[in-house]
Amino acid sequence: MPANPAALHILHQRLNVYLSFKPFFLSLPHFSSPSLSFVHSRRFLRPRLPFPITPRNLSSLSSTSAAQSVGEDGGGGGRSGALSPPPITEDVQKIDVNPPKGTRDFPPEEMRLRNWLFHNFREVSRLFGFEEVDYPVLESEALFIRKAGEEIRDQSTVTSAKKKTYIIEQLYCFEDRGNRRVALRPELTPSLARLVIQKGKSVSLPLKWFAVGQCWRYERMTRGRRREHYQWNMDIIGVPEVTAEAELISSIVTFFKRIGITASDVGFKVSSRKVLQEVLRCYSIPQNLFNKVCIIIDKIEKIPLDEIKKELKSAGVSEDAVEELLHVLSINSLTKLEGKTKQLTQSIGFGKMYQFVKNESVDAILYAEMLGSAGEAVADLKRLFSLAEKFGYSEWIEFDASVVRGLAYYTGIVFEGFDREGKLRAICGGGRYDRLLSTFGGDDLPACGFGFGDAVIVELLKEKGLIPELSLQVQNIVCALDVDLQGPAATVASLLRGKGQSVDLVLESKPLKWVFKRAARINADRLILVGSSEWQRGMVGVKILSSAEQYEVKLDELE
């Protein structure tokens, strides 16, 4: 049978690819096909390939023969041995298996705890008639550096020839590929404000919205403080009355009760920013310093008092004003304030007040002069404490003038949840922010809300021994007693899942001892065995694992 020219051509290409020789001659006198014009000592040119070919060394019995293997001009040559694979010299570097600093993994046991916590967040919100919303984790940087909070960005700026650049301390921010400045949200309230402005008059007031979302802050980590956390927010938009704040505190108290926290474990410190504003105005402290003073005062339980004084003086507050301000902030009872104010105004003439200030209570006199019992701030606080009695949580709250919250947008009543043993940072916090929308170009609406992080509350639950037992719970485990019955076992599993029951289907052929251990680990209620004889009769075996009761049941009667 004559040789196929095309096949010869292909063979020649393969030889050249593998051998990488210089062009050589072949004499093929026995081919007589007219299509083979190269039959008599025709030089074969190596075909041009679309990719580079790197010659491999050919193995041989000795290093000498290997060195002399191929490649001389005019040489015929051939293989001296099998092709050797290139040695693998690159070391695979093991990655760091820990999550980035300040972040967390959620393996199954941690995820069960998180889901339990979030379920309680959502259930309380539902009980109070709130609707769930969410926002992008990635937002415009401007949303947070306008007036979202001075604790999130530093006050100083750097001026360049082109623009003023904020020195941002805690924001995870960057420029995307479209040259837009964006940031991972450090909190949820500015995103809420943006959405409210976007919706405009298409939504009816009041709005009662809640969200559970992940937030990011690059900050120093302490117990209960990470660089990422999840936060539960509840906000009421469109209600100017203090009933809104009372409702929000009531929702948090309801949550605490649901998870086993009592008023002896946790309390709420309540104050009003209007109180602080009046004090500063009395000492002629400029309004533009108010937010900076609030940030400093917010640290009053976090750093030594001397440091507070030093920072206030550095901010431009006079030494006398600092001392009087700290006296005012030491008041921790609204009842005491009211009683002292009445006592002083009734029994002491204004001509004697100055002397009394030097000898007695500076704080109460100052409040009497600036606010009085009918002052707006005191009136709001009195109303809130009255409502607390009606809601049934008066034992949970107390007045503390030093509570101001660190975010700049608060305008009225503010509150913080704290553990009474003082081991943890604030559990939650919130207040009124009636002028936030206008900072983003919208029309202001009365608004208040709170943020409640997931990290501190878990630490508190650990302290109190209240972390619930949240083991995996599966209703059924289904096992085929023979490899050929894997299909019928899958049918049983699908049938039960269609009825809303959870099923762990054993996917491999396993001994019954392994199956029983698996059932115990997942806390299965019952074991369903698919055996050959039972299946032929349209039945399966059932074992109730808590009582060891066993029986057979028809497949269509399996519930």
Protein backbone atom coordinates (compact mmCIF):
# COMPACT_ATOMS: atom_id res chain seq x y z
CA MET A 1 0.00 0.00 0.00
CA PRO A 2 1.57 3.36 -0.98
CA ALA A 3 2.33 5.87 1.75
CA ASN A 4 0.00 8.76 2.35
CA PRO A 5 1.85 12.04 1.54
CA ALA A 6 -0.22 14.04 4.01
CA ALA A 7 0.55 11.57 6.76
CA LEU A 8 4.24 11.77 5.95
CA HIS A 9 4.13 15.54 6.11
CA ILE A 10 2.46 15.43 9.57
CA LEU A 11 4.97 12.89 10.80
CA HIS A 12 7.79 15.11 9.60
CA GLN A 13 6.37 18.08 11.53
CA ARG A 14 6.12 16.05 14.72
CA LEU A 15 9.70 14.86 14.37
CA ASN A 16 10.96 18.41 13.99
CA VAL A 17 8.94 19.63 16.99
CA TYR A 18 10.33 16.95 19.28
CA LEU A 19 13.90 16.80 17.99
CA SER A 20 14.61 20.49 17.30
CA PHE A 21 17.34 19.63 14.80
CA LYS A 22 18.72 21.89 12.13
CA PRO A 23 17.25 21.03 8.64
CA PHE A 24 18.33 17.59 7.45
CA PHE A 25 17.98 15.39 4.32
CA LEU A 26 15.95 12.30 3.82
CA SER A 27 16.11 10.03 0.77
CA LEU A 28 12.80 8.44 0.02
CA PRO A 29 13.27 6.72 -3.36
CA HIS A 30 10.36 4.29 -2.96
CA PHE A 31 7.69 7.03 -3.12
CA SER A 32 6.48 7.63 -6.68
CA SER A 33 3.43 9.85 -6.08
CA PRO A 34 3.52 12.92 -8.37
CA SER A 35 2.41 15.06 -5.42
CA LEU A 36 5.71 14.31 -3.68
CA SER A 37 8.14 16.56 -5.54
CA PHE A 38 10.64 16.17 -2.72
CA VAL A 39 11.26 12.43 -3.16
CA HIS A 40 14.92 12.47 -4.12
CA SER A 41 17.09 13.96 -1.37
CA ARG A 42 14.79 16.95 -0.89
CA ARG A 43 15.68 19.20 2.08
CA PHE A 44 12.84 19.38 4.62
CA LEU A 45 12.33 22.78 6.17
CA ARG A 46 11.00 22.86 9.72
CA PRO A 47 7.52 24.42 9.68
CA ARG A 48 7.07 27.85 11.28
CA LEU A 49 5.07 27.36 14.48
CA PRO A 50 2.86 30.01 16.11
CA PHE A 51 4.62 29.49 19.45
CA PRO A 52 8.29 29.14 20.45
CA ILE A 53 9.74 25.69 20.93
CA THR A 54 12.35 25.31 23.65
CA PRO A 55 14.56 22.26 23.09
CA ARG A 56 14.64 19.72 25.86
CA ASN A 57 17.75 17.71 26.72
CA LEU A 58 17.46 14.06 25.76
CA SER A 59 18.13 11.47 28.35
CA SER A 60 20.75 8.73 27.80
CA LEU A 61 22.72 6.18 29.68
CA SER A 62 25.60 8.57 30.27
CA SER A 63 26.21 12.28 30.60
CA THR A 64 28.61 12.14 27.64
CA SER A 65 26.10 10.67 25.26
CA ALA A 66 23.50 13.10 26.55
CA ALA A 67 25.77 16.03 25.73
CA GLN A 68 26.38 14.65 22.25
CA SER A 69 22.76 13.77 21.60
CA VAL A 70 21.67 15.97 18.69
CA GLY A 71 22.15 19.18 16.89
CA GLU A 72 25.27 18.92 14.66
CA ASP A 73 25.07 20.28 11.09
CA GLY A 74 24.24 17.56 8.60
CA GLY A 75 23.65 15.00 11.33
CA GLY A 76 20.90 12.49 11.01
CA GLY A 77 20.45 11.44 14.59
CA GLY A 78 17.45 10.27 16.53
CA ARG A 79 16.28 9.78 20.11
CA SER A 80 18.82 8.49 22.53
CA GLY A 81 16.20 8.05 25.24
CA ALA A 82 12.86 9.25 26.60
CA LEU A 83 12.13 12.95 27.08
CA SER A 84 12.62 14.06 30.69
CA PRO A 85 10.13 16.51 32.31
CA PRO A 86 11.71 19.75 33.56
CA PRO A 87 12.51 19.69 37.27
CA ILE A 88 10.09 21.61 39.55
CA THR A 89 12.15 24.12 41.47
CA GLU A 90 9.56 26.74 42.47
CA ASP A 91 8.57 26.64 46.14
CA VAL A 92 4.87 27.18 46.88
CA GLN A 93 4.61 29.72 49.67
CA LYS A 94 1.85 29.01 52.17
CA ILE A 95 -0.62 31.85 52.56
CA ASP A 96 -1.51 33.41 55.91
CA VAL A 97 -4.65 31.52 56.89
CA ASN A 98 -5.79 34.17 59.38
CA PRO A 99 -8.29 36.85 58.28
CA PRO A 100 -6.98 40.44 57.95
CA LYS A 101 -6.28 42.14 61.26
CA GLY A 102 -9.45 43.35 62.92
CA THR A 103 -11.77 41.12 60.90
CA ARG A 104 -13.40 37.76 61.62
CA ASP A 105 -14.26 34.43 60.10
CA PHE A 106 -17.61 32.90 60.95
CA PRO A 107 -17.28 29.11 61.06
CA PRO A 108 -20.57 27.22 61.62
CA GLU A 109 -20.69 27.59 65.42
CA GLU A 110 -19.97 31.34 65.21
CA MET A 111 -22.43 31.73 62.36
CA ARG A 112 -25.17 30.12 64.44
CA LEU A 113 -24.56 32.69 67.19
CA ARG A 114 -24.59 35.55 64.68
CA ASN A 115 -27.82 34.32 63.11
CA TRP A 116 -29.41 34.00 66.55
CA LEU A 117 -28.40 37.57 67.41
CA PHE A 118 -29.60 38.96 64.08
CA HIS A 119 -32.88 37.07 64.42
CA ASN A 120 -33.50 38.85 67.72
CA PHE A 121 -32.60 42.21 66.14
CA ARG A 122 -35.11 41.61 63.38
CA GLU A 123 -37.81 40.15 65.61
CA VAL A 124 -37.74 43.17 67.97
CA SER A 125 -37.88 45.51 64.97
CA ARG A 126 -40.89 43.61 63.67
CA LEU A 127 -42.62 43.84 67.05
CA PHE A 128 -42.28 47.62 66.90
CA GLY A 129 -43.61 47.87 63.34
CA PHE A 130 -40.33 48.78 61.59
CA GLU A 131 -39.48 47.94 57.97
CA GLU A 132 -36.06 46.58 56.98
CA VAL A 133 -33.80 48.45 54.57
CA ASP A 134 -30.18 48.15 53.49
CA TYR A 135 -27.58 50.25 51.70
CA PRO A 136 -24.33 49.62 49.79
CA VAL A 137 -21.30 48.77 51.90
CA LEU A 138 -19.35 50.96 49.46
CA GLU A 139 -20.50 54.59 49.49
CA SER A 140 -19.25 57.95 48.27
CA GLU A 141 -16.52 59.23 50.56
CA ALA A 142 -18.22 62.65 50.69
CA LEU A 143 -21.15 61.08 52.53
CA PHE A 144 -18.96 60.53 55.58
CA ILE A 145 -16.53 63.46 55.53
CA ARG A 146 -19.10 66.23 55.21
CA LYS A 147 -20.60 66.04 58.66
CA ALA A 148 -21.10 62.40 59.50
CA GLY A 149 -18.78 62.59 62.45
CA GLU A 150 -15.62 64.26 63.62
CA GLU A 151 -14.50 61.06 65.27
CA ILE A 152 -14.33 59.49 61.81
CA ARG A 153 -12.07 62.11 60.27
CA ASP A 154 -9.38 64.36 61.64
CA GLN A 155 -10.13 68.07 61.91
CA SER A 156 -6.98 69.24 60.22
CA THR A 157 -6.62 69.54 56.45
CA VAL A 158 -3.76 69.79 54.03
CA THR A 159 -3.95 72.31 51.21
CA SER A 160 -2.28 71.52 47.90
CA ALA A 161 -2.10 73.55 44.71
CA LYS A 162 -5.11 71.72 43.30
CA LYS A 163 -7.43 70.85 46.16
CA LYS A 164 -7.96 70.52 49.88
CA THR A 165 -7.45 66.98 51.07
CA TYR A 166 -8.95 65.55 54.20
CA ILE A 167 -6.63 63.57 56.43
CA ILE A 168 -8.92 60.67 57.18
CA GLU A 169 -8.14 58.62 60.23
CA GLN A 170 -10.70 55.84 60.40
CA LEU A 171 -12.25 55.57 56.94
CA TYR A 172 -11.35 52.71 54.65
CA CYS A 173 -11.32 54.94 51.57
CA PHE A 174 -9.74 54.89 48.13
CA GLU A 175 -10.12 56.08 44.56
CA ASP A 176 -11.81 53.61 42.24
CA ARG A 177 -10.97 53.02 38.58
CA GLY A 178 -13.41 55.72 37.58
CA ASN A 179 -11.45 58.27 39.67
CA ARG A 180 -14.27 58.47 42.21
CA ARG A 181 -13.50 58.78 45.92
CA VAL A 182 -15.32 55.97 47.72
CA ALA A 183 -15.29 54.49 51.23
CA LEU A 184 -16.46 51.42 53.09
CA ARG A 185 -19.26 52.68 55.32
CA PRO A 186 -18.18 53.27 58.94
CA GLU A 187 -21.82 53.63 60.07
CA LEU A 188 -25.34 53.45 58.61
CA THR A 189 -27.04 56.77 59.46
CA PRO A 190 -25.56 58.88 56.59
CA SER A 191 -26.67 56.20 54.12
CA LEU A 192 -30.14 56.36 55.64
CA ALA A 193 -30.16 60.14 55.18
CA ARG A 194 -29.11 59.75 51.55
CA LEU A 195 -31.92 57.27 50.87
CA VAL A 196 -34.52 59.47 52.57
CA ILE A 197 -33.46 62.43 50.40
CA GLN A 198 -33.54 60.21 47.30
CA LYS A 199 -37.09 59.03 48.03
CA GLY A 200 -38.29 62.54 48.81
CA LYS A 201 -42.06 62.92 48.93
CA SER A 202 -42.68 59.48 47.45
CA VAL A 203 -42.66 58.04 50.99
CA SER A 204 -45.16 58.85 53.72
CA LEU A 205 -44.02 60.06 57.11
CA PRO A 206 -43.24 58.91 59.67
CA LEU A 207 -40.70 56.41 58.44
CA LYS A 208 -39.81 53.58 60.81
CA TRP A 209 -36.86 51.78 59.26
CA PHE A 210 -34.28 49.36 60.57
CA ALA A 211 -31.12 47.81 59.12
CA VAL A 212 -28.53 45.21 60.07
CA GLY A 213 -25.35 45.89 58.14
CA GLN A 214 -21.59 45.53 58.18
CA CYS A 215 -19.51 48.60 58.99
CA TRP A 216 -15.76 49.29 58.71
CA ARG A 217 -13.46 51.56 60.74
CA TYR A 218 -9.70 51.52 60.82
CA GLU A 219 -9.20 52.08 64.53
CA ARG A 220 -7.33 50.78 67.53
CA MET A 221 -8.75 47.44 68.56
CA THR A 222 -9.86 46.78 72.12
CA ARG A 223 -12.25 44.33 73.70
CA GLY A 224 -15.53 44.60 71.81
CA ARG A 225 -14.02 46.89 69.16
CA ARG A 226 -12.92 45.59 65.78
CA ARG A 227 -12.21 47.09 62.40
CA GLU A 228 -15.33 45.52 61.00
CA HIS A 229 -18.55 44.85 62.83
CA TYR A 230 -22.25 44.40 62.20
CA GLN A 231 -24.64 47.04 63.45
CA TRP A 232 -28.36 47.08 64.14
CA ASN A 233 -29.94 50.49 63.48
CA MET A 234 -33.49 51.62 64.14
CA ASP A 235 -34.53 55.10 63.00
CA ILE A 236 -37.71 57.17 63.10
CA ILE A 237 -38.01 59.97 60.53
CA GLY A 238 -40.68 62.65 60.75
CA VAL A 239 -41.55 62.70 64.49
CA PRO A 240 -40.37 65.80 66.41
CA GLU A 241 -41.72 64.65 69.78
CA VAL A 242 -39.61 62.93 72.42
CA THR A 243 -41.99 59.99 72.15
CA ALA A 244 -39.76 58.81 69.30
CA GLU A 245 -36.70 58.54 71.56
CA ALA A 246 -38.81 56.83 74.22
CA GLU A 247 -39.98 54.26 71.66
CA LEU A 248 -36.43 53.55 70.51
CA ILE A 249 -35.11 53.00 74.05
CA SER A 250 -38.10 50.75 74.69
CA SER A 251 -37.13 48.60 71.68
CA ILE A 252 -33.58 48.15 73.02
CA VAL A 253 -34.92 47.22 76.47
CA THR A 254 -37.21 44.68 74.80
CA PHE A 255 -34.21 43.19 73.02
CA PHE A 256 -32.21 42.94 76.26
CA LYS A 257 -35.07 41.16 77.99
CA ARG A 258 -35.38 38.67 75.12
CA ILE A 259 -31.74 37.59 75.46
CA GLY A 260 -31.72 37.45 79.27
CA ILE A 261 -30.14 40.82 80.12
CA THR A 262 -31.74 42.66 83.08
CA ALA A 263 -31.72 46.21 84.45
CA SER A 264 -29.14 45.10 87.02
CA ASP A 265 -26.80 44.21 84.14
CA VAL A 266 -27.32 47.18 81.84
CA GLY A 267 -28.50 50.78 82.05
CA PHE A 268 -28.96 53.82 79.83
CA LYS A 269 -27.31 57.18 80.39
CA VAL A 270 -29.44 59.98 78.98
CA SER A 271 -28.71 63.65 78.39
CA SER A 272 -29.27 66.40 75.85
CA ARG A 273 -26.77 68.21 73.69
CA LYS A 274 -28.81 71.35 74.23
CA VAL A 275 -27.61 71.30 77.84
CA LEU A 276 -23.98 71.41 76.78
CA GLN A 277 -24.69 74.07 74.16
CA GLU A 278 -26.19 76.37 76.78
CA VAL A 279 -23.25 75.87 79.12
CA LEU A 280 -20.75 76.73 76.41
CA ARG A 281 -22.79 79.73 75.30
CA CYS A 282 -22.77 81.01 78.85
CA TYR A 283 -18.97 81.11 78.75
CA SER A 284 -18.89 82.72 75.31
CA ILE A 285 -17.30 79.69 73.69
CA PRO A 286 -17.71 80.02 69.90
CA GLN A 287 -20.28 77.81 68.24
CA ASN A 288 -17.68 76.44 65.82
CA LEU A 289 -15.91 74.81 68.77
CA PHE A 290 -19.01 72.96 69.95
CA ASN A 291 -18.46 69.76 67.97
CA LYS A 292 -14.80 69.62 68.94
CA VAL A 293 -15.71 70.03 72.62
CA CYS A 294 -18.29 67.23 72.25
CA ILE A 295 -15.62 64.88 70.90
CA ILE A 296 -13.37 65.62 73.87
CA ILE A 297 -16.16 65.22 76.44
CA ASP A 298 -17.16 61.93 74.84
CA LYS A 299 -13.81 60.56 76.04
CA ILE A 300 -14.52 61.47 79.67
CA GLU A 301 -14.70 57.84 80.81
CA LYS A 302 -11.99 56.62 78.45
CA ILE A 303 -8.99 58.80 79.37
CA PRO A 304 -7.81 60.51 82.60
CA LEU A 305 -9.54 63.73 83.65
CA ASP A 306 -6.28 65.67 83.38
CA GLU A 307 -6.10 64.70 79.72
CA ILE A 308 -9.66 65.94 79.22
CA LYS A 309 -8.74 69.29 80.75
CA LYS A 310 -5.62 69.52 78.62
CA GLU A 311 -7.52 68.81 75.41
CA LEU A 312 -10.29 71.31 76.26
CA LYS A 313 -7.70 74.03 76.92
CA SER A 314 -5.93 73.18 73.67
CA ALA A 315 -9.25 73.53 71.88
CA GLY A 316 -9.59 77.13 73.10
CA VAL A 317 -11.73 76.72 76.23
CA SER A 318 -10.60 78.96 79.11
CA GLU A 319 -9.37 77.42 82.34
CA ASP A 320 -12.33 78.78 84.34
CA ALA A 321 -14.78 77.52 81.74
CA VAL A 322 -13.16 74.08 81.80
CA GLU A 323 -13.60 73.79 85.57
CA GLU A 324 -17.21 74.95 85.51
CA LEU A 325 -17.99 72.73 82.53
CA LEU A 326 -16.69 69.65 84.34
CA HIS A 327 -18.81 70.57 87.39
CA VAL A 328 -21.92 70.71 85.21
CA LEU A 329 -21.08 67.43 83.54
CA SER A 330 -20.82 65.68 86.90
CA ILE A 331 -24.59 65.92 87.47
CA ASN A 332 -26.07 62.45 87.13
CA SER A 333 -29.61 62.89 88.40
CA LEU A 334 -32.36 64.89 86.74
CA THR A 335 -34.40 64.72 89.93
CA LYS A 336 -31.50 66.15 91.92
CA LEU A 337 -31.07 68.90 89.37
CA GLU A 338 -34.74 69.86 89.48
CA GLY A 339 -34.89 69.79 93.27
CA LYS A 340 -31.74 71.83 93.67
CA THR A 341 -32.89 74.39 91.13
CA LYS A 342 -36.22 74.94 92.95
CA GLN A 343 -34.49 75.16 96.32
CA LEU A 344 -32.02 77.76 95.17
CA THR A 345 -34.46 79.95 93.25
CA GLN A 346 -36.93 80.01 96.16
CA SER A 347 -34.62 80.44 99.14
CA ILE A 348 -31.76 82.54 97.80
CA GLY A 349 -32.02 85.98 96.27
CA PHE A 350 -30.04 86.63 93.13
CA GLY A 351 -27.89 89.10 95.04
CA LYS A 352 -26.59 86.23 97.19
CA MET A 353 -26.17 83.72 94.40
CA TYR A 354 -22.59 84.58 93.54
CA GLN A 355 -21.45 83.97 97.12
CA PHE A 356 -23.42 80.70 97.22
CA VAL A 357 -21.74 79.56 94.03
CA LYS A 358 -18.38 79.92 95.71
CA ASN A 359 -19.48 77.86 98.71
CA GLU A 360 -22.06 75.37 97.43
CA SER A 361 -23.22 73.76 94.21
CA VAL A 362 -21.96 75.56 91.11
CA ASP A 363 -23.66 73.07 88.78
CA ALA A 364 -27.24 73.55 89.99
CA ILE A 365 -26.96 77.39 90.06
CA LEU A 366 -25.61 77.37 86.52
CA TYR A 367 -28.53 75.26 85.33
CA ALA A 368 -31.00 77.47 87.18
CA GLU A 369 -29.70 80.60 85.44
CA MET A 370 -29.37 79.16 81.97
CA LEU A 371 -32.18 76.66 81.63
CA GLY A 372 -34.67 76.84 84.47
CA SER A 373 -37.34 74.23 85.02
CA ALA A 374 -39.09 75.28 81.81
CA GLY A 375 -35.94 75.13 79.64
CA GLU A 376 -36.39 73.20 76.42
CA ALA A 377 -33.67 70.66 77.19
CA VAL A 378 -34.91 69.96 80.72
CA ALA A 379 -38.51 69.79 79.49
CA ASP A 380 -37.55 67.16 76.90
CA LEU A 381 -35.67 65.13 79.48
CA LYS A 382 -38.51 65.30 82.00
CA ARG A 383 -40.92 64.15 79.31
CA LEU A 384 -38.63 61.24 78.41
CA PHE A 385 -38.35 60.06 82.01
CA SER A 386 -42.11 60.30 82.38
CA LEU A 387 -42.62 58.18 79.27
CA ALA A 388 -40.08 55.66 80.57
CA GLU A 389 -42.41 54.97 83.49
CA LYS A 390 -45.33 54.44 81.13
CA PHE A 391 -43.30 52.09 78.91
CA GLY A 392 -42.12 50.25 82.01
CA TYR A 393 -38.37 50.78 81.83
CA SER A 394 -37.75 53.65 84.27
CA GLU A 395 -35.34 51.47 86.28
CA TRP A 396 -33.15 51.15 83.19
CA ILE A 397 -32.40 54.87 82.62
CA GLU A 398 -30.57 57.62 84.45
CA PHE A 399 -29.56 61.19 83.72
CA ASP A 400 -25.87 61.85 83.04
CA ALA A 401 -24.89 65.24 81.66
CA SER A 402 -21.54 63.93 80.43
CA VAL A 403 -23.17 61.83 77.70
CA VAL A 404 -22.84 63.75 74.42
CA ARG A 405 -21.99 61.01 71.84
CA GLY A 406 -19.06 61.49 69.48
CA LEU A 407 -20.88 62.08 66.20
CA ALA A 408 -21.40 65.65 65.08
CA TYR A 409 -24.94 65.34 63.75
CA TYR A 410 -26.75 64.90 67.09
CA THR A 411 -28.86 67.92 68.05
CA GLY A 412 -30.96 67.01 71.10
CA ILE A 413 -31.47 64.05 73.41
CA VAL A 414 -28.65 61.49 73.33
CA PHE A 415 -28.36 58.16 75.13
CA GLU A 416 -25.93 55.29 75.66
CA GLY A 417 -26.36 51.73 76.85
CA PHE A 418 -23.67 50.64 79.32
CA ASP A 419 -22.86 47.61 81.45
CA ARG A 420 -23.20 48.44 85.13
CA GLU A 421 -19.97 46.65 86.07
CA GLY A 422 -18.04 49.05 83.84
CA LYS A 423 -15.97 46.34 82.14
CA LEU A 424 -17.02 47.13 78.57
CA ARG A 425 -17.31 50.13 76.30
CA ALA A 426 -20.74 51.48 75.31
CA ILE A 427 -23.06 48.71 74.16
CA CYS A 428 -25.20 50.96 71.98
CA GLY A 429 -26.01 54.63 71.51
CA GLY A 430 -28.18 57.08 69.68
CA GLY A 431 -30.14 60.28 69.79
CA ARG A 432 -31.86 63.01 67.82
CA TYR A 433 -30.41 64.41 64.58
CA ASP A 434 -32.91 66.94 63.22
CA ARG A 435 -30.44 68.78 60.98
CA LEU A 436 -28.59 65.95 59.24
CA LEU A 437 -30.45 65.96 55.91
CA SER A 438 -29.57 69.59 55.13
CA THR A 439 -25.85 68.79 55.34
CA PHE A 440 -26.37 66.63 52.23
CA GLY A 441 -28.49 69.18 50.40
CA GLY A 442 -31.92 67.91 51.47
CA ASP A 443 -34.73 69.44 53.47
CA ASP A 444 -34.37 68.79 57.19
CA LEU A 445 -36.80 66.43 58.86
CA PRO A 446 -37.06 65.60 62.56
CA ALA A 447 -35.25 62.31 63.09
CA CYS A 448 -33.75 60.09 65.75
CA GLY A 449 -32.21 56.64 65.88
CA PHE A 450 -29.64 54.36 67.42
CA GLY A 451 -26.81 52.02 66.48
CA PHE A 452 -26.21 48.72 68.25
CA GLY A 453 -23.05 46.75 67.41
CA ASP A 454 -22.71 42.97 67.49
CA ALA A 455 -19.29 42.79 69.19
CA VAL A 456 -19.85 44.32 72.65
CA ILE A 457 -23.14 42.54 73.28
CA VAL A 458 -21.48 39.16 72.62
CA GLU A 459 -18.76 40.05 75.14
CA LEU A 460 -21.47 40.96 77.67
CA LEU A 461 -23.31 37.68 77.07
CA LYS A 462 -20.05 35.83 77.70
CA GLU A 463 -19.52 37.80 80.93
CA LYS A 464 -23.00 36.87 82.15
CA GLY A 465 -22.88 33.26 80.99
CA LEU A 466 -25.80 33.87 78.65
CA ILE A 467 -24.38 32.59 75.36
CA PRO A 468 -27.08 30.17 74.19
CA GLU A 469 -26.39 26.54 73.25
CA LEU A 470 -26.77 26.64 69.49
CA SER A 471 -25.76 23.23 68.21
CA LEU A 472 -26.59 22.02 64.74
CA GLN A 473 -30.12 20.61 64.64
CA VAL A 474 -31.30 18.39 61.78
CA GLN A 475 -34.64 16.58 61.83
CA ASN A 476 -33.73 13.53 59.74
CA ILE A 477 -30.68 11.59 58.65
CA VAL A 478 -31.32 9.29 55.68
CA CYS A 479 -29.01 6.39 54.89
CA ALA A 480 -29.01 3.73 52.18
CA LEU A 481 -28.02 0.26 53.45
CA ASP A 482 -26.66 -0.66 50.04
CA VAL A 483 -24.79 1.26 47.34
CA ASP A 484 -27.52 0.37 44.84
CA LEU A 485 -30.08 2.13 47.07
CA GLN A 486 -28.49 5.58 46.93
CA GLY A 487 -31.10 6.62 44.38
CA PRO A 488 -34.08 5.56 46.52
CA ALA A 489 -32.44 7.27 49.54
CA ALA A 490 -32.25 10.48 47.51
CA THR A 491 -35.96 10.06 46.71
CA VAL A 492 -36.78 9.79 50.42
CA ALA A 493 -34.67 12.87 51.21
CA SER A 494 -36.37 14.93 48.50
CA LEU A 495 -39.80 13.83 49.72
CA LEU A 496 -39.09 15.03 53.27
CA ARG A 497 -37.44 18.27 52.14
CA GLY A 498 -40.51 18.97 50.04
CA LYS A 499 -42.54 18.78 53.25
CA GLY A 500 -40.27 21.39 54.89
CA GLN A 501 -38.17 19.01 56.95
CA SER A 502 -34.39 19.24 57.20
CA VAL A 503 -32.53 16.17 55.98
CA ASP A 504 -28.89 15.11 56.13
CA LEU A 505 -28.48 12.56 53.34
CA VAL A 506 -25.51 10.18 53.78
CA LEU A 507 -23.78 10.54 50.42
CA GLU A 508 -21.33 7.64 50.70
CA SER A 509 -21.49 4.03 51.65
CA LYS A 510 -20.82 4.11 55.39
CA PRO A 511 -21.14 1.54 58.18
CA LEU A 512 -24.05 1.98 60.57
CA LYS A 513 -21.67 2.79 63.43
CA TRP A 514 -20.50 5.87 61.51
CA VAL A 515 -24.11 6.81 60.68
CA PHE A 516 -25.14 6.73 64.36
CA LYS A 517 -22.16 8.91 65.33
CA ARG A 518 -23.09 11.35 62.59
CA ALA A 519 -26.70 11.42 63.79
CA ALA A 520 -25.55 12.24 67.33
CA ARG A 521 -23.25 15.03 66.13
CA ILE A 522 -25.98 16.78 64.15
CA ASN A 523 -28.63 16.14 66.83
CA ALA A 524 -30.91 14.34 64.40
CA ASP A 525 -34.39 13.48 65.65
CA ARG A 526 -34.72 10.30 63.65
CA LEU A 527 -32.79 7.95 61.39
CA ILE A 528 -34.43 6.70 58.21
CA LEU A 529 -32.91 3.56 56.71
CA VAL A 530 -33.51 2.51 53.12
CA GLY A 531 -33.05 -1.27 52.91
CA SER A 532 -33.52 -3.58 49.93
CA SER A 533 -36.39 -5.71 51.23
CA GLU A 534 -38.22 -2.74 52.75
CA TRP A 535 -37.90 -0.70 49.57
CA GLN A 536 -39.27 -3.55 47.47
CA ARG A 537 -42.38 -3.39 49.66
CA GLY A 538 -42.57 0.41 49.32
CA MET A 539 -41.45 1.00 52.89
CA VAL A 540 -38.52 2.46 54.86
CA GLY A 541 -37.23 1.83 58.36
CA VAL A 542 -37.51 4.62 60.95
CA LYS A 543 -35.64 4.87 64.26
CA ILE A 544 -36.53 7.61 66.77
CA LEU A 545 -33.13 8.42 68.21
CA SER A 546 -34.29 9.92 71.51
CA SER A 547 -36.31 6.85 72.49
CA ALA A 548 -34.76 4.10 70.31
CA GLU A 549 -38.25 3.30 69.00
CA GLN A 550 -38.15 1.53 65.62
CA TYR A 551 -40.82 0.86 63.02
CA GLU A 552 -41.45 0.62 59.31
CA VAL A 553 -43.66 3.01 57.38
CA LYS A 554 -44.94 3.28 53.84
CA LEU A 555 -43.14 5.90 51.81
CA ASP A 556 -46.30 7.87 51.03
CA GLU A 557 -47.15 7.94 54.75
CA LEU A 558 -43.76 9.22 55.86
CA GLU A 559 -44.20 12.59 57.55
